[in-house]
């Protein structure tokens, strides 16, 4: 069996693996990339972030067409099937794969498509490649295999009416009603998407609120708008049994309730993709959800084997995963630029969108930090009125004595982009990191960025 030698072998070409590979290659390392899909991009491109966000964008366009009075001059509201809308996502995936394939070619990174298995601490075997099985030897390895939907043993995912967040992209029809079990980020996003297509959605969670890591005011806003769009929220409920027949899927809850729908989408947790790696042969062990423990340089218990991205757990965001990959390869390069990724803005692509960075009101209250709040309602900004996207707000939390920015929370159209203006100011040193930056800076008008000035003035006026 042929053996090829490299400086670094990276397993998984999602954002984490890509970041590690490009950084190492640009610093002169000979790099190999192993990918279990038949093209690069990982689950982020093929199963998760890209297809779901492209799908959301199309649904949002449909909602605008069906609700904007201006379009009534063109024709009556239209109904679009799920498979038809999904085609727009497939076009984006093709473009992403082409772009990323060019990255690897331009940086002379060798690609191997197949399953990676550790033979020992310095070698892996890549099985079922186009050239047969191959052995790759390297001084360092970076595991960036991502995660998959968690599948409990008592749920039959082979049934054509029971889906998870990967297989839902194979849905060949549009259900009239859908049960989503699990109201984490993925569950809430898909609830928004299907509700936007006119599907009756039951969103079931064992928790007493949605996305508890968010600011309470944002949670309330999300809950209201999901309900306003026809989503039935069922809180504090645990499943007892999930079954299906030729016509319907059934969810029986421990509370005794029984719910029937055309299909069930399971969105309750993720599992790190480590099982297939056979890491036990080299003395590594994953936790019960397949995740690997790492130090602040993303090293596992074996110093020359690193792990990044969803396979290490929090924050499980594509944006953070790319930075983690770069940081892990910096540790290999020993250039002093390795760092542990902590300053992460979350982006939640519900309809409307959510994004936040920093502390929430409840956290600051628990810590007894004296803070004040500044708000800008989108309905009062000219740009939102022009675009018709008037739902939402920008919320700034700042220290009452130093004016230091402590938290930024945004709910509404383009929230995941709006947040980065505030994030940039929060990361400044000393007096540059204060809410007064927004009152002393001229913003283009009309823009959504102007909401920062409005929110800052609102907050400072509360101190007067």
Protein backbone atom coordinates (compact mmCIF):
# COMPACT_ATOMS: atom_id res chain seq x y z
CA UNK A 1 0.00 0.00 0.00
CA UNK A 2 1.54 3.38 -1.03
CA UNK A 3 2.61 5.81 1.74
CA UNK A 4 2.85 9.58 1.26
CA UNK A 5 4.62 11.85 3.75
CA UNK A 6 3.50 15.33 4.78
CA UNK A 7 4.24 17.94 7.41
CA UNK A 8 0.56 18.22 8.35
CA UNK A 9 -2.45 16.03 7.58
CA UNK A 10 -5.87 17.59 8.17
CA UNK A 11 -8.99 15.46 8.44
CA UNK A 12 -12.12 17.33 7.38
CA UNK A 13 -12.43 20.21 4.89
CA UNK A 14 -15.13 22.26 6.62
CA UNK A 15 -14.32 25.79 7.86
CA UNK A 16 -11.99 24.53 10.63
CA UNK A 17 -10.01 22.24 8.35
CA UNK A 18 -9.88 24.79 5.56
CA UNK A 19 -8.57 27.50 7.88
CA UNK A 20 -5.86 25.17 9.18
CA UNK A 21 -4.87 23.94 5.72
CA UNK A 22 -4.61 27.35 4.06
CA UNK A 23 -2.64 28.84 6.94
CA UNK A 24 -0.16 25.95 7.09
CA UNK A 25 0.32 25.85 3.32
CA UNK A 26 0.93 29.60 3.08
CA UNK A 27 3.70 29.19 5.65
CA UNK A 28 5.51 26.57 3.60
CA UNK A 29 4.18 23.35 5.11
CA UNK A 30 3.43 20.35 2.90
CA UNK A 31 -0.26 19.72 3.60
CA UNK A 32 -2.71 16.91 2.85
CA UNK A 33 -6.47 17.23 3.26
CA UNK A 34 -8.70 14.20 3.80
CA UNK A 35 -12.43 14.61 3.18
CA UNK A 36 -15.14 11.96 3.54
CA UNK A 37 -17.51 13.74 1.13
CA UNK A 38 -16.74 13.46 -2.59
CA UNK A 39 -15.99 17.19 -2.77
CA UNK A 40 -14.55 19.78 -0.38
CA UNK A 41 -16.48 22.00 2.02
CA UNK A 42 -17.51 19.52 4.70
CA UNK A 43 -20.94 19.35 6.29
CA UNK A 44 -20.99 23.16 6.51
CA UNK A 45 -21.20 23.40 2.72
CA UNK A 46 -23.14 20.25 1.93
CA UNK A 47 -25.48 19.68 4.89
CA UNK A 48 -25.58 22.62 7.29
CA UNK A 49 -24.73 26.29 7.16
CA UNK A 50 -24.74 26.96 3.41
CA UNK A 51 -27.85 25.01 2.32
CA UNK A 52 -29.98 26.05 5.30
CA UNK A 53 -29.08 29.74 4.96
CA UNK A 54 -29.61 29.70 1.19
CA UNK A 55 -32.94 28.01 1.82
CA UNK A 56 -33.84 30.66 4.39
CA UNK A 57 -33.00 33.46 1.96
CA UNK A 58 -35.33 32.02 -0.68
CA UNK A 59 -38.15 31.60 1.85
CA UNK A 60 -37.65 35.18 3.01
CA UNK A 61 -38.04 36.37 -0.58
CA UNK A 62 -41.26 34.37 -0.87
CA UNK A 63 -42.60 35.93 2.34
CA UNK A 64 -41.81 39.42 1.03
CA UNK A 65 -43.53 38.73 -2.29
CA UNK A 66 -46.63 37.34 -0.60
CA UNK A 67 -46.96 40.11 1.99
CA UNK A 68 -45.83 43.27 0.18
CA UNK A 69 -48.86 45.12 -1.29
CA UNK A 70 -46.68 46.49 -4.10
CA UNK A 71 -46.35 43.01 -5.61
CA UNK A 72 -50.12 42.61 -5.91
CA UNK A 73 -49.83 44.62 -9.13
CA UNK A 74 -47.78 41.73 -10.50
CA UNK A 75 -50.01 38.88 -9.43
CA UNK A 76 -51.61 36.98 -6.61
CA UNK A 77 -49.59 35.43 -3.75
CA UNK A 78 -47.76 32.26 -4.81
CA UNK A 79 -47.15 28.92 -3.15
CA UNK A 80 -43.72 27.32 -3.52
CA UNK A 81 -42.88 23.69 -2.77
CA UNK A 82 -39.96 22.79 -0.50
CA UNK A 83 -38.06 20.87 -3.25
CA UNK A 84 -38.39 23.82 -5.63
CA UNK A 85 -37.04 26.27 -3.07
CA UNK A 86 -34.22 23.85 -2.23
CA UNK A 87 -32.90 24.09 -5.80
CA UNK A 88 -31.62 27.59 -5.09
CA UNK A 89 -29.53 26.18 -2.24
CA UNK A 90 -28.06 23.53 -4.55
CA UNK A 91 -26.78 26.25 -6.88
CA UNK A 92 -25.01 27.98 -3.99
CA UNK A 93 -23.42 24.68 -2.90
CA UNK A 94 -22.01 24.17 -6.40
CA UNK A 95 -20.47 27.64 -6.39
CA UNK A 96 -18.97 27.13 -2.92
CA UNK A 97 -17.43 23.78 -3.89
CA UNK A 98 -15.90 25.27 -7.06
CA UNK A 99 -14.46 28.23 -5.13
CA UNK A 100 -12.98 26.07 -2.37
CA UNK A 101 -11.55 23.51 -4.75
CA UNK A 102 -9.63 26.36 -6.38
CA UNK A 103 -8.25 27.35 -2.95
CA UNK A 104 -6.68 23.90 -2.50
CA UNK A 105 -5.32 23.82 -6.04
CA UNK A 106 -3.80 27.29 -5.79
CA UNK A 107 -2.09 26.45 -2.50
CA UNK A 108 -0.85 23.05 -3.74
CA UNK A 109 -2.63 21.07 -1.06
CA UNK A 110 -3.15 17.39 -1.88
CA UNK A 111 -6.75 16.21 -1.58
CA UNK A 112 -7.79 12.69 -0.59
CA UNK A 113 -11.48 11.76 -0.69
CA UNK A 114 -12.23 8.85 1.61
CA UNK A 115 -12.54 7.76 5.25
CA UNK A 116 -9.55 8.43 7.53
CA UNK A 117 -8.53 5.85 10.16
CA UNK A 118 -5.59 6.11 12.54
CA UNK A 119 -3.08 3.27 12.25
CA UNK A 120 -0.72 4.74 14.85
CA UNK A 121 0.29 8.17 16.17
CA UNK A 122 2.02 9.14 12.94
CA UNK A 123 -0.02 7.40 10.25
CA UNK A 124 -3.57 7.26 8.97
CA UNK A 125 -5.11 5.05 6.33
CA UNK A 126 -7.51 6.69 3.87
CA UNK A 127 -9.92 4.05 2.68
CA UNK A 128 -11.98 3.85 -0.49
CA UNK A 129 -10.24 6.64 -2.36
CA UNK A 130 -10.33 6.76 -6.16
CA UNK A 131 -6.85 5.21 -6.10
CA UNK A 132 -7.70 2.55 -3.53
CA UNK A 133 -6.55 2.65 0.08
CA UNK A 134 -3.62 4.95 0.87
CA UNK A 135 -1.45 5.63 3.91
CA UNK A 136 -0.52 9.17 4.91
CA UNK A 137 2.31 9.84 7.34
CA UNK A 138 2.84 13.20 9.08
CA UNK A 139 4.49 14.93 12.01
CA UNK A 140 1.21 16.64 12.98
CA UNK A 141 -2.49 15.93 12.51
CA UNK A 142 -5.49 18.22 12.83
CA UNK A 143 -8.87 16.58 13.38
CA UNK A 144 -11.62 18.79 11.95
CA UNK A 145 -14.28 16.20 11.24
CA UNK A 146 -17.22 18.29 12.46
CA UNK A 147 -20.42 16.88 13.89
CA UNK A 148 -23.61 15.09 12.87
CA UNK A 149 -27.15 15.11 14.24
CA UNK A 150 -27.45 13.09 17.43
CA UNK A 151 -29.66 10.06 16.80
CA UNK A 152 -31.11 8.22 19.80
CA UNK A 153 -31.41 4.46 19.39
CA UNK A 154 -35.15 4.42 20.00
CA UNK A 155 -36.01 6.59 16.98
CA UNK A 156 -36.24 4.89 13.56
CA UNK A 157 -34.53 7.32 11.20
CA UNK A 158 -34.89 4.85 8.31
CA UNK A 159 -38.61 5.68 8.24
CA UNK A 160 -39.32 8.08 5.34
CA UNK A 161 -41.39 10.36 7.61
CA UNK A 162 -38.70 10.83 10.26
CA UNK A 163 -35.85 13.24 9.45
CA UNK A 164 -32.86 14.88 11.09
CA UNK A 165 -31.24 18.19 10.15
CA UNK A 166 -29.09 16.45 7.49
CA UNK A 167 -31.70 14.25 5.84
CA UNK A 168 -34.33 17.02 5.78
CA UNK A 169 -32.46 18.37 2.76
CA UNK A 170 -33.61 15.23 0.91
CA UNK A 171 -37.28 15.99 1.57
CA UNK A 172 -39.04 15.48 -1.77
CA UNK A 173 -42.40 17.03 -0.89
CA UNK A 174 -43.85 19.86 1.19
CA UNK A 175 -45.57 18.63 4.36
CA UNK A 176 -48.80 20.32 5.40
CA UNK A 177 -47.72 20.06 9.03
CA UNK A 178 -44.40 19.27 10.66
CA UNK A 179 -43.23 18.42 14.17
CA UNK A 180 -39.78 19.73 15.08
CA UNK A 181 -38.37 18.12 18.22
CA UNK A 182 -35.61 20.26 19.73
CA UNK A 183 -35.70 24.06 19.85
CA UNK A 184 -32.00 24.85 19.72
CA UNK A 185 -30.54 27.07 17.02
CA UNK A 186 -31.16 24.55 14.21
CA UNK A 187 -34.69 23.75 15.38
CA UNK A 188 -35.65 27.43 15.58
CA UNK A 189 -34.14 28.17 12.18
CA UNK A 190 -36.05 25.35 10.48
CA UNK A 191 -39.25 26.33 12.30
CA UNK A 192 -38.93 29.78 10.70
CA UNK A 193 -38.18 28.31 7.27
CA UNK A 194 -41.11 25.89 7.17
CA UNK A 195 -43.53 28.38 8.71
CA UNK A 196 -42.50 30.79 5.95
CA UNK A 197 -43.57 28.16 3.41
CA UNK A 198 -47.00 27.95 5.01
CA UNK A 199 -46.36 24.69 6.87
CA UNK A 200 -48.03 24.29 10.27
CA UNK A 201 -45.16 23.70 12.70
CA UNK A 202 -45.15 22.27 16.22
CA UNK A 203 -41.84 23.20 17.88
CA UNK A 204 -41.28 20.96 20.90
CA UNK A 205 -38.58 21.43 23.54
CA UNK A 206 -37.79 20.06 26.98
CA UNK A 207 -36.71 23.54 28.14
CA UNK A 208 -38.88 26.32 29.58
CA UNK A 209 -37.64 28.93 27.07
CA UNK A 210 -36.03 29.17 23.65
CA UNK A 211 -32.26 29.62 23.29
CA UNK A 212 -31.58 30.39 26.95
CA UNK A 213 -28.08 31.76 26.19
CA UNK A 214 -29.67 34.83 24.60
CA UNK A 215 -30.80 38.01 26.33
CA UNK A 216 -34.29 37.59 27.82
CA UNK A 217 -35.74 40.40 25.72
CA UNK A 218 -34.47 38.75 22.53
CA UNK A 219 -35.90 35.38 23.62
CA UNK A 220 -39.29 37.03 24.17
CA UNK A 221 -39.14 38.66 20.73
CA UNK A 222 -38.23 35.39 19.00
CA UNK A 223 -41.01 33.51 20.80
CA UNK A 224 -43.55 36.17 19.84
CA UNK A 225 -42.63 36.22 16.15
CA UNK A 226 -42.54 32.42 15.84
CA UNK A 227 -46.05 32.28 17.30
CA UNK A 228 -47.11 35.21 15.11
CA UNK A 229 -45.99 33.17 12.08
CA UNK A 230 -48.12 30.23 13.15
CA UNK A 231 -45.59 28.10 15.02
CA UNK A 232 -47.01 26.22 18.02
CA UNK A 233 -44.45 26.31 20.83
CA UNK A 234 -44.65 23.38 23.22
CA UNK A 235 -42.31 24.00 26.17
CA UNK A 236 -41.22 21.68 29.00
CA UNK A 237 -42.12 18.58 27.00
CA UNK A 238 -40.06 15.39 26.58
CA UNK A 239 -40.69 12.72 24.00
CA UNK A 240 -41.76 9.28 25.08
CA UNK A 241 -42.06 7.66 21.67
CA UNK A 242 -41.68 8.63 18.02
CA UNK A 243 -43.35 6.42 15.41
CA UNK A 244 -44.66 6.66 11.86
CA UNK A 245 -46.81 4.74 9.38
CA UNK A 246 -47.60 5.15 5.69
CA UNK A 247 -49.63 8.32 6.27
CA UNK A 248 -48.42 10.14 9.36
CA UNK A 249 -45.66 10.56 11.94
CA UNK A 250 -46.59 10.49 15.62
CA UNK A 251 -44.99 12.05 18.68
CA UNK A 252 -46.08 10.84 22.11
CA UNK A 253 -44.90 13.02 24.98
CA UNK A 254 -44.24 12.04 28.59
CA UNK A 255 -46.97 14.47 29.59
CA UNK A 256 -49.46 12.23 27.83
CA UNK A 257 -49.98 14.49 24.79
CA UNK A 258 -50.01 12.94 21.33
CA UNK A 259 -49.22 14.96 18.21
CA UNK A 260 -49.69 13.86 14.60
CA UNK A 261 -48.06 15.38 11.52
CA UNK A 262 -46.93 14.56 7.99
CA UNK A 263 -43.32 14.37 9.17
CA UNK A 264 -41.04 14.79 12.19
CA UNK A 265 -37.74 16.68 12.13
CA UNK A 266 -35.36 15.69 14.93
CA UNK A 267 -33.13 18.62 15.97
CA UNK A 268 -32.11 17.60 19.47
CA UNK A 269 -28.33 17.77 19.74
CA UNK A 270 -25.18 17.03 17.75
CA UNK A 271 -22.47 14.34 17.97
CA UNK A 272 -18.79 14.82 17.12
CA UNK A 273 -17.62 12.76 14.15
CA UNK A 274 -14.88 10.74 15.86
CA UNK A 275 -16.15 7.17 15.85
CA UNK A 276 -14.95 6.35 12.34
CA UNK A 277 -11.41 7.64 13.08
CA UNK A 278 -10.58 4.68 15.35
CA UNK A 279 -8.82 7.06 17.76
CA UNK A 280 -8.78 4.40 20.45
CA UNK A 281 -5.87 2.78 18.59
CA UNK A 282 -3.70 5.76 19.55
CA UNK A 283 -5.01 6.20 23.09
CA UNK A 284 -7.43 9.07 22.48
CA UNK A 285 -10.98 9.01 23.81
CA UNK A 286 -14.02 11.13 23.00
CA UNK A 287 -16.81 11.98 25.45
CA UNK A 288 -20.34 10.54 25.25
CA UNK A 289 -21.20 12.96 22.42
CA UNK A 290 -18.09 12.19 20.36
CA UNK A 291 -16.25 15.41 21.31
CA UNK A 292 -12.53 15.71 21.94
CA UNK A 293 -11.03 17.66 24.82
CA UNK A 294 -8.31 20.15 23.88
CA UNK A 295 -6.10 22.73 25.58
CA UNK A 296 -5.81 26.42 24.67
CA UNK A 297 -3.67 25.56 21.66
CA UNK A 298 -6.23 22.98 20.50
CA UNK A 299 -3.94 20.07 21.33
CA UNK A 300 -5.47 16.78 22.44
CA UNK A 301 -3.74 14.61 25.04
CA UNK A 302 -1.31 13.76 22.24
CA UNK A 303 0.56 17.07 21.64
CA UNK A 304 1.03 16.52 17.88
CA UNK A 305 -2.66 15.77 17.30
CA UNK A 306 -4.98 18.80 17.33
CA UNK A 307 -8.77 19.09 17.16
CA UNK A 308 -10.85 22.06 16.04
CA UNK A 309 -14.38 22.99 15.04
CA UNK A 310 -17.59 21.22 16.03
CA UNK A 311 -15.66 18.12 17.08
CA UNK A 312 -14.49 20.01 20.21
CA UNK A 313 -17.96 21.41 21.02
CA UNK A 314 -18.55 25.07 21.90
CA UNK A 315 -19.18 27.37 20.13
CA UNK A 316 -20.03 25.13 17.14
CA UNK A 317 -20.09 28.05 14.69
CA UNK A 318 -18.55 28.06 11.21
CA UNK A 319 -17.02 31.49 11.86
CA UNK A 320 -15.30 30.36 15.04
CA UNK A 321 -14.26 27.04 13.48
CA UNK A 322 -12.24 28.80 10.78
CA UNK A 323 -10.39 30.85 13.40
CA UNK A 324 -9.78 27.73 15.48
CA UNK A 325 -8.25 26.04 12.46
CA UNK A 326 -5.92 28.97 11.83
CA UNK A 327 -4.94 29.06 15.49
CA UNK A 328 -4.16 25.33 15.64
CA UNK A 329 -1.90 25.54 12.59
CA UNK A 330 -0.17 28.56 14.13
CA UNK A 331 0.63 26.35 17.13
CA UNK A 332 2.23 23.86 14.74
CA UNK A 333 4.15 26.66 13.05
CA UNK A 334 5.24 27.90 16.48
CA UNK A 335 4.96 31.52 15.36
CA UNK A 336 3.51 32.80 18.62
CA UNK A 337 0.15 33.67 17.05
CA UNK A 338 -1.87 30.77 18.41
CA UNK A 339 -4.83 31.83 20.55
CA UNK A 340 -7.97 30.30 22.02
CA UNK A 341 -11.07 31.61 20.24
CA UNK A 342 -13.40 33.22 22.79
CA UNK A 343 -14.69 36.52 21.37
CA UNK A 344 -17.45 35.07 19.23
CA UNK A 345 -20.55 36.83 17.96
CA UNK A 346 -23.37 34.37 17.44
CA UNK A 347 -25.57 34.54 14.37
CA UNK A 348 -28.95 32.80 14.42
CA UNK A 349 -30.71 32.74 11.06
CA UNK A 350 -34.31 32.63 12.14
CA UNK A 351 -36.84 34.94 10.51
CA UNK A 352 -36.18 37.62 11.78
CA UNK A 353 -32.44 37.15 12.33
CA UNK A 354 -30.66 37.30 15.71
CA UNK A 355 -27.08 38.12 16.66
CA UNK A 356 -25.34 39.05 19.89
CA UNK A 357 -21.94 39.45 21.49
CA UNK A 358 -20.93 40.08 25.10
CA UNK A 359 -22.99 39.90 28.28
CA UNK A 360 -26.76 39.67 28.63
CA UNK A 361 -28.85 41.68 31.06
CA UNK A 362 -29.40 38.67 33.30
CA UNK A 363 -25.65 37.97 33.47
CA UNK A 364 -24.81 41.56 34.38
CA UNK A 365 -27.55 41.57 37.01
CA UNK A 366 -26.23 38.36 38.59
CA UNK A 367 -22.70 39.82 38.60
CA UNK A 368 -24.00 43.05 40.21
CA UNK A 369 -22.52 45.19 37.43
CA UNK A 370 -24.10 48.68 37.27
CA UNK A 371 -25.26 48.98 33.67
CA UNK A 372 -27.74 50.87 31.55
CA UNK A 373 -29.58 49.99 28.33
CA UNK A 374 -29.86 51.87 25.05
CA UNK A 375 -32.34 50.73 22.39
CA UNK A 376 -33.07 51.59 18.79
CA UNK A 377 -36.30 50.19 17.36
CA UNK A 378 -35.92 49.42 13.67
CA UNK A 379 -39.45 50.71 12.95
CA UNK A 380 -38.16 54.21 13.76
CA UNK A 381 -35.17 54.15 11.38
CA UNK A 382 -35.50 55.51 7.86
CA UNK A 383 -33.61 52.64 6.20
CA UNK A 384 -35.89 50.02 7.77
CA UNK A 385 -38.96 51.99 6.70
CA UNK A 386 -37.62 52.15 3.14
CA UNK A 387 -36.83 48.43 2.98
CA UNK A 388 -40.02 47.42 4.77
CA UNK A 389 -37.99 45.42 7.33
CA UNK A 390 -39.28 47.25 10.39
CA UNK A 391 -39.37 44.33 12.83
CA UNK A 392 -36.57 44.32 15.40
CA UNK A 393 -34.22 46.39 17.47
CA UNK A 394 -30.60 47.02 18.44
CA UNK A 395 -29.84 46.90 22.17
CA UNK A 396 -26.64 48.20 23.79
CA UNK A 397 -25.60 47.43 27.38
CA UNK A 398 -22.95 49.69 28.91
CA UNK A 399 -21.37 50.46 32.29
CA UNK A 400 -22.95 53.49 33.96
CA UNK A 401 -19.61 54.85 35.26
CA UNK A 402 -17.12 54.08 32.49
CA UNK A 403 -19.55 53.91 29.53
CA UNK A 404 -17.75 50.71 28.47
CA UNK A 405 -19.74 48.51 26.09
CA UNK A 406 -20.68 45.28 27.86
CA UNK A 407 -23.10 43.59 25.49
CA UNK A 408 -24.76 44.08 22.12
CA UNK A 409 -27.96 42.32 21.09
CA UNK A 410 -29.73 42.63 17.76
CA UNK A 411 -32.99 41.18 16.49
CA UNK A 412 -34.18 41.86 12.95
CA UNK A 413 -33.12 41.90 9.32
CA UNK A 414 -29.31 41.74 8.80
CA UNK A 415 -28.69 41.37 12.54
CA UNK A 416 -25.69 39.07 11.95
CA UNK A 417 -24.01 41.83 9.93
CA UNK A 418 -25.09 44.80 12.06
CA UNK A 419 -23.54 43.21 15.17
CA UNK A 420 -19.97 43.48 13.88
CA UNK A 421 -19.89 47.27 14.07
CA UNK A 422 -20.41 47.08 17.82
CA UNK A 423 -18.12 44.06 18.17
CA UNK A 424 -15.26 46.06 16.63
CA UNK A 425 -15.72 48.85 19.18
CA UNK A 426 -16.00 46.40 22.09
CA UNK A 427 -12.57 45.04 21.17
CA UNK A 428 -10.85 48.43 21.33
CA UNK A 429 -8.64 49.28 24.28
CA UNK A 430 -9.24 51.88 26.96
CA UNK A 431 -11.47 54.86 26.26
CA UNK A 432 -12.04 53.74 22.65
CA UNK A 433 -14.39 51.03 23.93
CA UNK A 434 -17.30 53.20 25.07
CA UNK A 435 -20.82 53.88 23.95
CA UNK A 436 -19.80 57.49 23.25
CA UNK A 437 -18.05 56.33 20.08
CA UNK A 438 -21.46 56.06 18.46
CA UNK A 439 -22.52 59.59 19.41
CA UNK A 440 -19.21 61.07 18.25
CA UNK A 441 -19.18 59.34 14.85
CA UNK A 442 -21.07 60.35 11.72
CA UNK A 443 -23.02 57.46 10.18
CA UNK A 444 -24.28 57.35 6.61
CA UNK A 445 -27.95 58.20 6.34
CA UNK A 446 -30.17 56.31 5.81
CA UNK A 447 -28.48 53.10 6.99
CA UNK A 448 -29.15 50.38 9.53
CA UNK A 449 -25.78 51.27 11.10
CA UNK A 450 -27.39 54.51 12.25
CA UNK A 451 -29.26 52.41 14.83
CA UNK A 452 -26.05 52.47 16.92
CA UNK A 453 -26.22 56.26 17.25
CA UNK A 454 -29.93 56.13 18.12
CA UNK A 455 -29.38 53.39 20.72
CA UNK A 456 -26.39 55.20 22.24
CA UNK A 457 -28.32 58.44 22.61
CA UNK A 458 -31.23 56.55 24.13
CA UNK A 459 -28.94 54.95 26.71
CA UNK A 460 -27.05 58.12 27.59
CA UNK A 461 -30.31 60.03 27.99
CA UNK A 462 -31.30 57.55 30.69
CA UNK A 463 -28.32 58.74 32.75
CA UNK A 464 -29.26 62.41 32.52
